[in-house]
C-alpha atoms as a PDB file:
ATOM      1  CA  MET A   1      99.499 173.099 117.762  1.00  0.00           C
ATOM      2  CA  ILE A   2     100.455 172.672 114.116  1.00  0.00           C
ATOM      3  CA  ILE A   3      99.673 170.858 111.099  1.00  0.00           C
ATOM      4  CA  LYS A   4     101.812 170.516 108.743  1.00  0.00           C
ATOM      5  CA  ARG A   5     101.644 171.826 104.958  1.00  0.00           C
ATOM      6  CA  ASN A   6     101.880 168.157 103.764  1.00  0.00           C
ATOM      7  CA  ASP A   7      99.631 166.805 106.607  1.00  0.00           C
ATOM      8  CA  LEU A   8      97.405 169.212 104.986  1.00  0.00           C
ATOM      9  CA  LYS A   9      97.490 168.266 101.786  1.00  0.00           C
ATOM     10  CA  ARG A  10      96.275 164.251 103.292  1.00  0.00           C
ATOM     11  CA  LEU A  11      93.689 165.995 105.523  1.00  0.00           C
ATOM     12  CA  VAL A  12      92.134 167.445 101.994  1.00  0.00           C
ATOM     13  CA  GLU A  13      92.259 164.624  99.969  1.00  0.00           C
ATOM     14  CA  ASP A  14      91.079 162.207 103.015  1.00  0.00           C
ATOM     15  CA  LEU A  15      87.924 164.354 103.169  1.00  0.00           C
ATOM     16  CA  ILE A  16      87.487 164.568  99.647  1.00  0.00           C
ATOM     17  CA  GLY A  17      87.675 160.409  99.054  1.00  0.00           C
ATOM     18  CA  GLN A  18      85.188 160.416 102.157  1.00  0.00           C
ATOM     19  CA  GLY A  19      83.281 162.406  99.791  1.00  0.00           C
ATOM     20  CA  LYS A  20      82.284 165.367 101.826  1.00  0.00           C
ATOM     21  CA  ARG A  21      82.766 168.626  99.967  1.00  0.00           C
ATOM     22  CA  VAL A  22      85.396 170.603 100.823  1.00  0.00           C
ATOM     23  CA  ILE A  23      85.526 174.915  99.529  1.00  0.00           C
ATOM     24  CA  ALA A  24      89.088 176.651  99.724  1.00  0.00           C
ATOM     25  CA  PRO A  25      89.877 179.663  97.275  1.00  0.00           C
ATOM     26  CA  ILE A  26      90.598 178.848  93.430  1.00  0.00           C
ATOM     27  CA  MET A  27      91.932 180.337  90.481  1.00  0.00           C
ATOM     28  CA  ARG A  28      89.078 180.883  87.817  1.00  0.00           C
ATOM     29  CA  MET A  29      88.925 182.683  84.721  1.00  0.00           C
ATOM     30  CA  GLY A  30      92.013 185.404  86.387  1.00  0.00           C
ATOM     31  CA  LEU A  31      89.850 185.187  89.157  1.00  0.00           C
ATOM     32  CA  VAL A  32      90.282 184.649  92.762  1.00  0.00           C
ATOM     33  CA  GLU A  33      86.355 182.879  94.054  1.00  0.00           C
ATOM     34  CA  TYR A  34      85.298 180.489  96.205  1.00  0.00           C
ATOM     35  CA  GLY A  35      84.698 176.713  94.514  1.00  0.00           C
ATOM     36  CA  GLU A  36      84.189 173.523  95.769  1.00  0.00           C
ATOM     37  CA  ILE A  37      87.876 171.825  94.490  1.00  0.00           C
ATOM     38  CA  GLY A  38      88.433 168.783  93.457  1.00  0.00           C
ATOM     39  CA  SER A  39      91.739 167.229  95.333  1.00  0.00           C
ATOM     40  CA  PHE A  40      93.813 169.838  97.074  1.00  0.00           C
ATOM     41  CA  ASP A  41      95.891 170.880  94.284  1.00  0.00           C
ATOM     42  CA  ASP A  42      92.977 172.930  92.966  1.00  0.00           C
ATOM     43  CA  ILE A  43      93.435 175.862  96.396  1.00  0.00           C
ATOM     44  CA  THR A  44      95.343 179.558  95.312  1.00  0.00           C
ATOM     45  CA  TRP A  45      97.221 180.303  98.911  1.00  0.00           C
ATOM     46  CA  ASP A  46      97.899 183.740  96.650  1.00  0.00           C
ATOM     47  CA  TYR A  47      95.247 185.896  97.933  1.00  0.00           C
ATOM     48  CA  ILE A  48      93.784 188.605  99.662  1.00  0.00           C
ATOM     49  CA  ASN A  49      89.723 187.765 100.226  1.00  0.00           C
ATOM     50  CA  PRO A  50      88.307 186.023  97.201  1.00  0.00           C
ATOM     51  CA  ARG A  51      85.700 188.005  94.779  1.00  0.00           C
ATOM     52  CA  ASN A  52      82.542 186.297  96.277  1.00  0.00           C
ATOM     53  CA  SER A  53      81.499 185.697  99.441  1.00  0.00           C
ATOM     54  CA  PHE A  54      81.236 181.880 100.913  1.00  0.00           C
ATOM     55  CA  LYS A  55      77.967 182.914 101.598  1.00  0.00           C
ATOM     56  CA  GLU A  56      76.704 181.512  98.493  1.00  0.00           C
ATOM     57  CA  PHE A  57      76.631 178.069  99.954  1.00  0.00           C
ATOM     58  CA  LEU A  58      75.119 178.538 102.769  1.00  0.00           C
ATOM     59  CA  PHE A  59      72.512 180.667 101.188  1.00  0.00           C
ATOM     60  CA  PRO A  60      71.957 179.852  97.432  1.00  0.00           C
ATOM     61  CA  GLN A  61      72.021 182.670  95.019  1.00  0.00           C
ATOM     62  CA  THR A  62      68.387 180.375  93.687  1.00  0.00           C
ATOM     63  CA  GLU A  63      66.352 177.193  95.267  1.00  0.00           C
ATOM     64  CA  ALA A  64      63.554 175.220  95.167  1.00  0.00           C
ATOM     65  CA  ILE A  65      61.500 175.296  98.962  1.00  0.00           C
ATOM     66  CA  ALA A  66      58.356 173.988  96.707  1.00  0.00           C
ATOM     67  CA  ARG A  67      57.225 171.583  94.184  1.00  0.00           C
ATOM     68  CA  TYR A  68      53.651 171.365  92.267  1.00  0.00           C
ATOM     69  CA  ARG A  69      51.399 169.673  89.898  1.00  0.00           C
ATOM     70  CA  ILE A  70      48.285 171.009  88.024  1.00  0.00           C
ATOM     71  CA  GLY A  71      45.930 167.928  87.769  1.00  0.00           C
ATOM     72  CA  LYS A  72      42.103 167.781  86.779  1.00  0.00           C
ATOM     73  CA  LYS A  73      41.004 168.416  90.252  1.00  0.00           C
ATOM     74  CA  ASP A  74      44.258 169.339  92.472  1.00  0.00           C
ATOM     75  CA  VAL A  75      46.818 171.151  92.858  1.00  0.00           C
ATOM     76  CA  GLU A  76      50.179 168.691  93.992  1.00  0.00           C
ATOM     77  CA  LEU A  77      52.296 170.014  96.474  1.00  0.00           C
ATOM     78  CA  GLU A  78      55.567 169.052  97.678  1.00  0.00           C
ATOM     79  CA  GLY A  79      58.169 170.443  99.751  1.00  0.00           C
ATOM     80  CA  VAL A  80      61.908 170.558  99.495  1.00  0.00           C
ATOM     81  CA  ILE A  81      64.134 169.427 101.577  1.00  0.00           C
ATOM     82  CA  PRO A  82      68.214 170.468 100.515  1.00  0.00           C
ATOM     83  CA  GLU A  83      70.878 168.303  99.742  1.00  0.00           C
ATOM     84  CA  LEU A  84      72.946 168.340 102.416  1.00  0.00           C
ATOM     85  CA  ARG A  85      76.503 167.523 102.351  1.00  0.00           C
ATOM     86  CA  GLU A  86      79.448 167.224 105.181  1.00  0.00           C
ATOM     87  CA  THR A  87      81.186 171.121 103.952  1.00  0.00           C
ATOM     88  CA  ILE A  88      84.556 172.330 105.159  1.00  0.00           C
ATOM     89  CA  VAL A  89      85.202 175.578 104.359  1.00  0.00           C
ATOM     90  CA  LEU A  90      89.159 175.923 103.747  1.00  0.00           C
ATOM     91  CA  GLY A  91      91.002 179.281 103.687  1.00  0.00           C
ATOM     92  CA  SER A  92      87.742 182.341 104.063  1.00  0.00           C
ATOM     93  CA  ARG A  93      88.901 185.495 105.787  1.00  0.00           C
ATOM     94  CA  PRO A  94      88.042 186.127 109.652  1.00  0.00           C
ATOM     95  CA  CYS A  95      86.093 188.881 108.056  1.00  0.00           C
ATOM     96  CA  ASP A  96      83.780 186.601 105.930  1.00  0.00           C
ATOM     97  CA  ALA A  97      83.457 184.231 108.504  1.00  0.00           C
ATOM     98  CA  ALA A  98      82.724 187.174 110.710  1.00  0.00           C
ATOM     99  CA  SER A  99      79.554 187.439 108.076  1.00  0.00           C
ATOM    100  CA  THR A 100      78.174 183.830 109.231  1.00  0.00           C
ATOM    101  CA  ALA A 101      76.385 185.474 112.496  1.00  0.00           C
ATOM    102  CA  SER A 102      75.124 188.300 110.483  1.00  0.00           C
ATOM    103  CA  LEU A 103      73.399 185.961 108.747  1.00  0.00           C
ATOM    104  CA  ARG A 104      72.570 183.963 111.638  1.00  0.00           C
ATOM    105  CA  SER A 105      70.991 186.858 113.222  1.00  0.00           C
ATOM    106  CA  VAL A 106      68.781 187.441 109.796  1.00  0.00           C
ATOM    107  CA  PHE A 107      67.356 184.143 109.514  1.00  0.00           C
ATOM    108  CA  THR A 108      66.410 182.959 112.892  1.00  0.00           C
ATOM    109  CA  TRP A 109      65.372 186.292 114.488  1.00  0.00           C
ATOM    110  CA  GLY A 110      64.148 186.216 117.952  1.00  0.00           C
ATOM    111  CA  ALA A 111      63.525 182.674 117.989  1.00  0.00           C
ATOM    112  CA  GLU A 112      65.783 182.015 120.520  1.00  0.00           C
ATOM    113  CA  GLU A 113      64.316 183.807 122.362  1.00  0.00           C
ATOM    114  CA  ASP A 114      60.794 182.425 121.500  1.00  0.00           C
ATOM    115  CA  PRO A 115      60.535 178.891 119.513  1.00  0.00           C
ATOM    116  CA  SER A 116      57.217 180.084 117.636  1.00  0.00           C
ATOM    117  CA  ARG A 117      59.000 182.037 115.940  1.00  0.00           C
ATOM    118  CA  PHE A 118      60.198 181.244 112.288  1.00  0.00           C
ATOM    119  CA  ARG A 119      63.550 179.792 111.698  1.00  0.00           C
ATOM    120  CA  ASP A 120      65.233 179.734 107.693  1.00  0.00           C
ATOM    121  CA  ASP A 121      65.620 176.134 108.685  1.00  0.00           C
ATOM    122  CA  PHE A 122      66.999 175.707 104.478  1.00  0.00           C
ATOM    123  CA  TYR A 123      70.331 178.003 105.873  1.00  0.00           C
ATOM    124  CA  LEU A 124      70.810 176.337 109.530  1.00  0.00           C
ATOM    125  CA  MET A 125      70.730 173.181 107.887  1.00  0.00           C
ATOM    126  CA  ARG A 126      73.437 173.529 105.752  1.00  0.00           C
ATOM    127  CA  GLU A 127      75.572 175.644 108.386  1.00  0.00           C
ATOM    128  CA  GLY A 128      75.369 172.839 110.727  1.00  0.00           C
ATOM    129  CA  VAL A 129      76.940 170.636 108.514  1.00  0.00           C
ATOM    130  CA  THR A 130      79.944 173.143 107.914  1.00  0.00           C
ATOM    131  CA  THR A 131      83.063 173.963 109.322  1.00  0.00           C
ATOM    132  CA  VAL A 132      84.922 176.800 108.627  1.00  0.00           C
ATOM    133  CA  MET A 133      88.331 176.569 108.536  1.00  0.00           C
ATOM    134  CA  THR A 134      89.789 180.410 108.822  1.00  0.00           C
ATOM    135  CA  ILE A 135      93.205 182.256 107.473  1.00  0.00           C
ATOM    136  CA  ALA A 136      94.313 184.817 109.435  1.00  0.00           C
ATOM    137  CA  CYS A 137      95.275 187.443 107.278  1.00  0.00           C
ATOM    138  CA  LEU A 138      99.148 187.980 107.100  1.00  0.00           C
ATOM    139  CA  LYS A 139      98.074 191.362 104.688  1.00  0.00           C
ATOM    140  CA  GLY A 140      95.128 193.312 102.739  1.00  0.00           C
ATOM    141  CA  ASP A 141      95.043 195.598  99.839  1.00  0.00           C
ATOM    142  CA  GLU A 142      94.160 199.062  99.478  1.00  0.00           C
ATOM    143  CA  ASP A 143      90.553 198.585  99.739  1.00  0.00           C
ATOM    144  CA  CYS A 144      90.475 196.227 103.394  1.00  0.00           C
ATOM    145  CA  PHE A 145      89.508 198.316 106.488  1.00  0.00           C
ATOM    146  CA  CYS A 146      87.737 195.700 109.042  1.00  0.00           C
ATOM    147  CA  THR A 147      89.586 197.028 111.654  1.00  0.00           C
ATOM    148  CA  THR A 148      87.539 200.890 111.302  1.00  0.00           C
ATOM    149  CA  VAL A 149      84.329 198.051 112.548  1.00  0.00           C
ATOM    150  CA  GLY A 150      85.624 196.102 114.676  1.00  0.00           C
ATOM    151  CA  LEU A 151      87.902 192.906 113.082  1.00  0.00           C
ATOM    152  CA  THR A 152      90.950 191.918 113.252  1.00  0.00           C
ATOM    153  CA  PRO A 153      93.072 189.828 110.472  1.00  0.00           C
ATOM    154  CA  GLU A 154      93.031 187.594 112.815  1.00  0.00           C
ATOM    155  CA  SER A 155      89.620 187.435 114.104  1.00  0.00           C
ATOM    156  CA  PRO A 156      88.621 184.434 115.891  1.00  0.00           C
ATOM    157  CA  GLU A 157      84.506 185.272 115.276  1.00  0.00           C
ATOM    158  CA  GLY A 158      82.790 183.080 113.131  1.00  0.00           C
ATOM    159  CA  SER A 159      85.279 180.528 112.363  1.00  0.00           C
ATOM    160  CA  ASP A 160      85.127 176.762 113.962  1.00  0.00           C
ATOM    161  CA  ILE A 161      89.210 176.584 113.590  1.00  0.00           C
ATOM    162  CA  LEU A 162      92.181 179.229 113.027  1.00  0.00           C
ATOM    163  CA  LEU A 163      94.804 179.001 111.107  1.00  0.00           C
ATOM    164  CA  LYS A 164      97.772 181.168 111.569  1.00  0.00           C
ATOM    165  CA  GLU A 165     100.180 180.777 108.981  1.00  0.00           C
ATOM    166  CA  THR A 166     103.828 180.185 110.378  1.00  0.00           C
ATOM    167  CA  VAL A 167     107.431 181.565 109.173  1.00  0.00           C
ATOM    168  CA  ARG A 168     108.010 177.238 107.752  1.00  0.00           C
ATOM    169  CA  GLY A 169     105.605 177.330 105.619  1.00  0.00           C
ATOM    170  CA  ASN A 170     102.876 175.784 107.814  1.00  0.00           C
ATOM    171  CA  PHE A 171      99.843 176.288 110.282  1.00  0.00           C
ATOM    172  CA  ALA A 172      99.031 176.579 114.156  1.00  0.00           C
ATOM    173  CA  VAL A 173      95.784 175.367 114.704  1.00  0.00           C
ATOM    174  CA  THR A 174      93.356 177.052 117.283  1.00  0.00           C
ATOM    175  CA  PRO A 175      90.463 176.039 117.302  1.00  0.00           C
ATOM    176  CA  VAL A 176      87.359 178.591 118.026  1.00  0.00           C
ATOM    177  CA  THR A 177      83.848 176.752 118.676  1.00  0.00           C
ATOM    178  CA  GLU A 178      82.489 173.271 119.816  1.00  0.00           C
ATOM    179  CA  ARG A 179      82.536 172.255 116.806  1.00  0.00           C
ATOM    180  CA  GLY A 180      85.674 172.886 115.708  1.00  0.00           C
ATOM    181  CA  LYS A 181      87.873 171.283 118.991  1.00  0.00           C
ATOM    182  CA  ALA A 182      85.514 167.685 117.492  1.00  0.00           C
ATOM    183  CA  PHE A 183      87.339 167.936 113.857  1.00  0.00           C
ATOM    184  CA  VAL A 184      90.437 168.693 115.567  1.00  0.00           C
ATOM    185  CA  GLU A 185      90.308 166.086 117.950  1.00  0.00           C
ATOM    186  CA  GLU A 186      88.315 163.777 115.281  1.00  0.00           C
ATOM    187  CA  TRP A 187      91.479 163.942 112.567  1.00  0.00           C
ATOM    188  CA  ARG A 188      94.408 164.764 115.533  1.00  0.00           C
ATOM    189  CA  ASP A 189      96.715 161.991 113.355  1.00  0.00           C
ATOM    190  CA  TYR A 190      97.570 165.185 111.409  1.00  0.00           C
ATOM    191  CA  ILE A 191      98.090 167.326 113.953  1.00  0.00           C
ATOM    192  CA  THR A 192     101.443 167.501 116.123  1.00  0.00           C
ATOM    193  CA  ASP A 193     101.725 168.866 119.391  1.00  0.00           C
ATOM    194  CA  GLU A 194     104.626 171.504 118.375  1.00  0.00           C
ATOM    195  CA  ARG A 195     105.443 175.518 117.806  1.00  0.00           C
ATOM    196  CA  GLU A 196     106.899 177.507 114.995  1.00  0.00           C
ATOM    197  CA  ASP A 197     106.974 181.230 115.147  1.00  0.00           C
ATOM    198  CA  LEU A 198     104.168 182.629 113.097  1.00  0.00           C
ATOM    199  CA  LYS A 199     104.785 184.726 110.746  1.00  0.00           C
ATOM    200  CA  GLU A 200     104.189 188.739 110.891  1.00  0.00           C
ATOM    201  CA  ILE A 201     100.735 190.154 110.514  1.00  0.00           C
ATOM    202  CA  GLU A 202      99.594 193.506 108.593  1.00  0.00           C
ATOM    203  CA  TYR A 203      96.593 194.881 110.406  1.00  0.00           C
ATOM    204  CA  PRO A 204      94.707 197.469 108.456  1.00  0.00           C
ATOM    205  CA  GLU A 205      95.322 201.013 109.346  1.00  0.00           C
ATOM    206  CA  VAL A 206      92.363 202.212 111.423  1.00  0.00           C
ATOM    207  CA  LEU A 207      90.858 205.393 108.812  1.00  0.00           C
ATOM    208  CA  GLU A 208      91.200 208.052 110.670  1.00  0.00           C
ATOM    209  CA  GLY A 209      87.674 210.822 110.890  1.00  0.00           C
ATOM    210  CA  ILE A 210      85.633 207.793 110.567  1.00  0.00           C
ATOM    211  CA  ASP A 211      83.367 206.805 114.421  1.00  0.00           C
ATOM    212  CA  THR A 212      80.776 203.821 114.441  1.00  0.00           C
ATOM    213  CA  GLY A 213      79.754 205.085 117.395  1.00  0.00           C
ATOM    214  CA  LYS A 214      78.734 208.585 115.962  1.00  0.00           C
ATOM    215  CA  ILE A 215      77.585 207.078 112.745  1.00  0.00           C
ATOM    216  CA  GLY A 216      75.201 205.311 115.070  1.00  0.00           C
ATOM    217  CA  ALA A 217      74.041 208.581 116.568  1.00  0.00           C
ATOM    218  CA  ARG A 218      73.516 210.601 113.401  1.00  0.00           C
ATOM    219  CA  LEU A 219      71.685 207.555 111.886  1.00  0.00           C
ATOM    220  CA  SER A 220      69.154 206.831 115.034  1.00  0.00           C
ATOM    221  CA  ASP A 221      68.495 210.398 114.808  1.00  0.00           C
ATOM    222  CA  VAL A 222      65.012 209.948 111.854  1.00  0.00           C
ATOM    223  CA  ASP A 223      65.794 213.345 110.582  1.00  0.00           C
ATOM    224  CA  VAL A 224      68.514 211.717 109.123  1.00  0.00           C
ATOM    225  CA  PHE A 225      66.133 210.536 106.648  1.00  0.00           C
ATOM    226  CA  ASP A 226      65.964 214.348 104.809  1.00  0.00           C
ATOM    227  CA  ASP A 227      70.046 214.315 104.727  1.00  0.00           C
ATOM    228  CA  PRO A 228      71.470 216.481 101.410  1.00  0.00           C
ATOM    229  CA  VAL A 229      74.738 214.371 101.881  1.00  0.00           C
ATOM    230  CA  TRP A 230      72.647 211.319 100.571  1.00  0.00           C
ATOM    231  CA  GLN A 231      71.659 213.213  97.044  1.00  0.00           C
ATOM    232  CA  GLU A 232      75.008 214.246  97.449  1.00  0.00           C
ATOM    233  CA  VAL A 233      77.170 210.932  98.398  1.00  0.00           C
ATOM    234  CA  ALA A 234      75.122 208.601  96.363  1.00  0.00           C
ATOM    235  CA  ARG A 235      74.227 210.684  92.999  1.00  0.00           C
ATOM    236  CA  LYS A 236      75.894 208.513  90.613  1.00  0.00           C
ATOM    237  CA  CYS A 237      74.606 205.133  91.927  1.00  0.00           C
ATOM    238  CA  ILE A 238      72.764 202.682  88.651  1.00  0.00           C
ATOM    239  CA  GLY A 239      71.684 200.669  91.165  1.00  0.00           C
ATOM    240  CA  CYS A 240      73.737 197.494  89.540  1.00  0.00           C
ATOM    241  CA  GLY A 241      73.427 195.415  92.553  1.00  0.00           C
ATOM    242  CA  ALA A 242      77.453 194.562  92.598  1.00  0.00           C
ATOM    243  CA  CYS A 243      77.752 195.552  96.296  1.00  0.00           C
ATOM    244  CA  THR A 244      75.020 193.226  97.528  1.00  0.00           C
ATOM    245  CA  PHE A 245      75.473 190.774  95.231  1.00  0.00           C
ATOM    246  CA  SER A 246      79.285 190.568  96.547  1.00  0.00           C
ATOM    247  CA  CYS A 247      78.936 191.517 100.039  1.00  0.00           C
ATOM    248  CA  PRO A 248      78.645 188.367 102.891  1.00  0.00           C
ATOM    249  CA  THR A 249      76.192 190.091 104.741  1.00  0.00           C
ATOM    250  CA  CYS A 250      73.244 191.279 102.499  1.00  0.00           C
ATOM    251  CA  HIS A 251      70.189 188.545 103.081  1.00  0.00           C
ATOM    252  CA  CYS A 252      67.241 189.671 100.814  1.00  0.00           C
ATOM    253  CA  PHE A 253      65.366 187.792  99.276  1.00  0.00           C
ATOM    254  CA  ASP A 254      62.009 187.331  97.170  1.00  0.00           C
ATOM    255  CA  ILE A 255      60.400 184.211  96.376  1.00  0.00           C
ATOM    256  CA  VAL A 256      58.954 183.547  93.140  1.00  0.00           C
ATOM    257  CA  ASP A 257      57.340 180.787  91.310  1.00  0.00           C
ATOM    258  CA  GLU A 258      58.624 180.038  88.110  1.00  0.00           C
ATOM    259  CA  ALA A 259      55.961 177.091  86.586  1.00  0.00           C
ATOM    260  CA  THR A 260      56.262 176.119  82.925  1.00  0.00           C
ATOM    261  CA  GLY A 261      52.184 174.457  81.914  1.00  0.00           C
ATOM    262  CA  TYR A 262      51.194 172.649  84.572  1.00  0.00           C
ATOM    263  CA  GLU A 263      53.852 172.422  87.207  1.00  0.00           C
ATOM    264  CA  GLY A 264      55.837 174.549  88.689  1.00  0.00           C
ATOM    265  CA  GLU A 265      58.841 175.347  91.397  1.00  0.00           C
ATOM    266  CA  ARG A 266      58.758 178.174  94.689  1.00  0.00           C
ATOM    267  CA  ARG A 267      62.221 179.690  94.572  1.00  0.00           C
ATOM    268  CA  LYS A 268      64.171 181.514  96.349  1.00  0.00           C
ATOM    269  CA  ASN A 269      66.101 183.954  95.391  1.00  0.00           C
ATOM    270  CA  TRP A 270      68.319 186.615  96.863  1.00  0.00           C
ATOM    271  CA  ASP A 271      67.009 190.126  95.909  1.00  0.00           C
ATOM    272  CA  ALA A 272      68.757 193.721  96.291  1.00  0.00           C
ATOM    273  CA  CYS A 273      67.557 196.627  98.065  1.00  0.00           C
ATOM    274  CA  GLN A 274      69.321 198.575  95.286  1.00  0.00           C
ATOM    275  CA  PHE A 275      66.771 197.628  92.786  1.00  0.00           C
ATOM    276  CA  GLU A 276      63.954 199.809  91.783  1.00  0.00           C
ATOM    277  CA  TYR A 277      61.835 197.179  91.950  1.00  0.00           C
ATOM    278  CA  PHE A 278      62.765 195.936  95.411  1.00  0.00           C
ATOM    279  CA  THR A 279      60.003 198.181  96.889  1.00  0.00           C
ATOM    280  CA  LEU A 280      57.523 199.345  94.333  1.00  0.00           C
ATOM    281  CA  HIS A 281      53.727 198.276  95.999  1.00  0.00           C
ATOM    282  CA  ALA A 282      51.059 196.427  93.489  1.00  0.00           C
ATOM    283  CA  SER A 283      50.080 200.020  93.706  1.00  0.00           C
ATOM    284  CA  GLY A 284      52.305 201.436  91.846  1.00  0.00           C
ATOM    285  CA  HIS A 285      53.611 202.737  94.648  1.00  0.00           C
ATOM    286  CA  ASN A 286      57.108 202.847  95.571  1.00  0.00           C
ATOM    287  CA  PRO A 287      58.692 204.561  98.785  1.00  0.00           C
ATOM    288  CA  ARG A 288      62.468 204.736  98.359  1.00  0.00           C
ATOM    289  CA  ASP A 289      61.370 205.929  93.744  1.00  0.00           C
ATOM    290  CA  THR A 290      64.874 207.497  93.246  1.00  0.00           C
ATOM    291  CA  GLN A 291      68.490 205.786  93.966  1.00  0.00           C
ATOM    292  CA  PHE A 292      69.886 207.955  96.385  1.00  0.00           C
ATOM    293  CA  LYS A 293      66.996 206.416  99.086  1.00  0.00           C
ATOM    294  CA  ARG A 294      67.895 202.733  98.459  1.00  0.00           C
ATOM    295  CA  TRP A 295      71.776 203.592  98.409  1.00  0.00           C
ATOM    296  CA  ARG A 296      70.793 205.289 101.868  1.00  0.00           C
ATOM    297  CA  ASN A 297      68.763 202.248 102.874  1.00  0.00           C
ATOM    298  CA  ARG A 298      72.141 200.061 102.424  1.00  0.00           C
ATOM    299  CA  PHE A 299      73.565 201.816 104.425  1.00  0.00           C
ATOM    300  CA  LEU A 300      71.082 202.263 107.170  1.00  0.00           C
ATOM    301  CA  CYS A 301      71.003 198.544 107.689  1.00  0.00           C
ATOM    302  CA  LYS A 302      74.576 198.352 107.322  1.00  0.00           C
ATOM    303  CA  PHE A 303      75.056 201.011 110.584  1.00  0.00           C
ATOM    304  CA  HIS A 304      71.777 201.049 112.076  1.00  0.00           C
ATOM    305  CA  ILE A 305      69.383 198.794 111.592  1.00  0.00           C
ATOM    306  CA  TYR A 306      71.756 195.664 112.256  1.00  0.00           C
ATOM    307  CA  PRO A 307      73.213 196.687 115.424  1.00  0.00           C
ATOM    308  CA  THR A 308      69.967 197.558 116.702  1.00  0.00           C
ATOM    309  CA  LYS A 309      68.241 195.106 115.802  1.00  0.00           C
ATOM    310  CA  PHE A 310      71.259 192.177 116.776  1.00  0.00           C
ATOM    311  CA  THR A 311      75.019 192.113 118.106  1.00  0.00           C
ATOM    312  CA  SER A 312      76.474 190.976 115.007  1.00  0.00           C
ATOM    313  CA  THR A 313      77.569 193.683 112.486  1.00  0.00           C
ATOM    314  CA  GLY A 314      76.379 194.207 109.187  1.00  0.00           C
ATOM    315  CA  CYS A 315      79.388 195.197 107.649  1.00  0.00           C
ATOM    316  CA  VAL A 316      82.343 193.721 108.319  1.00  0.00           C
ATOM    317  CA  GLY A 317      85.041 195.776 106.404  1.00  0.00           C
ATOM    318  CA  CYS A 318      85.781 192.900 102.893  1.00  0.00           C
ATOM    319  CA  GLY A 319      86.048 196.088 101.087  1.00  0.00           C
ATOM    320  CA  ARG A 320      84.034 193.870  97.993  1.00  0.00           C
ATOM    321  CA  CYS A 321      81.783 196.400  97.873  1.00  0.00           C
ATOM    322  CA  ILE A 322      84.391 198.548  97.154  1.00  0.00           C
ATOM    323  CA  ARG A 323      86.097 196.620  94.742  1.00  0.00           C
ATOM    324  CA  VAL A 324      83.040 195.828  92.801  1.00  0.00           C
ATOM    325  CA  CYS A 325      81.544 198.994  92.259  1.00  0.00           C
ATOM    326  CA  PRO A 326      81.798 200.526  88.402  1.00  0.00           C
ATOM    327  CA  VAL A 327      80.901 204.087  89.249  1.00  0.00           C
ATOM    328  CA  ALA A 328      83.655 203.801  91.791  1.00  0.00           C
ATOM    329  CA  LEU A 329      80.906 204.722  95.319  1.00  0.00           C
ATOM    330  CA  ASP A 330      83.758 204.449  98.218  1.00  0.00           C
ATOM    331  CA  ILE A 331      81.501 203.509 101.676  1.00  0.00           C
ATOM    332  CA  ARG A 332      84.066 204.522 103.255  1.00  0.00           C
ATOM    333  CA  GLU A 333      83.580 207.873 102.451  1.00  0.00           C
ATOM    334  CA  VAL A 334      80.120 207.694 103.218  1.00  0.00           C
ATOM    335  CA  MET A 335      80.871 206.944 106.617  1.00  0.00           C
ATOM    336  CA  GLU A 336      83.310 209.687 107.517  1.00  0.00           C
ATOM    337  CA  TRP A 337      80.913 212.419 105.993  1.00  0.00           C
ATOM    338  CA  LEU A 338      78.531 211.089 108.067  1.00  0.00           C
ATOM    339  CA  SER A 339      81.469 211.265 111.598  1.00  0.00           C
ATOM    340  CA  ARG A 340      81.631 214.524 110.985  1.00  0.00           C
END
């Protein structure tokens, strides 16, 4: 099936006209990022990967989960239900789409096998009204390494619909999930039963010297905690947290009360294992008291904890942590080191 570019424009305009939220790559202050669009013309098409991931539309940086008011004799507590709008993410890259499985694994950990386990309804309600339309990457840049972690520029994981650009500038349409099939059926008038040759997709080379199997085996050995490699490779980390906030699979958050006088909100805010106070105990003890230990934890989370606990991956090879790091700490170098 093919959706022609003009028909895609009509589709987007009709979705917006119906009050649906469309998230797509846009240009803002000279950078490409995912954002809500007001019209099809807001979309930018010349991009490798937006600077942010679209996880912030499923798992916001900050959100209220309860409100309270203190009276003379009691405290009035009010739960918060997220305001939901049907959302279409158009132009996601395959690496970003794959990250949704990683987030879902954390926010539903064990709930499928044991219904009594906690499920994060704030995340699940948003994901339940979101359709992900991924566009396969025609090319990457020097920081893309999806093929090294088992994905490709046209991986369907996490996508509801996978689009591939044709030589005529249109898009081949492949529904991936039941939600994607239902979406295609609902908007079938915009799609034609045609075939067009596809543009060639350039695959990033699988990086020599990196073996995720060897990395996993090394990280499963408890002696790795005391390996001097961590002090060597993470010595320059300054703990800014840019890598975690830009990462599509990082999911850590804190819950705090923000009050003014006699009322306030209980809020869920993004947090990061790279911050000094993340593991600080009330006693003053901090089990990760130096930065290399905090960086070690992040690497273990990506390549040992995730693969051990879940079937999804903790790293999708998007390269954002490499692009944003102010001290040029490259996770691929550590992967190569541990592979040896």
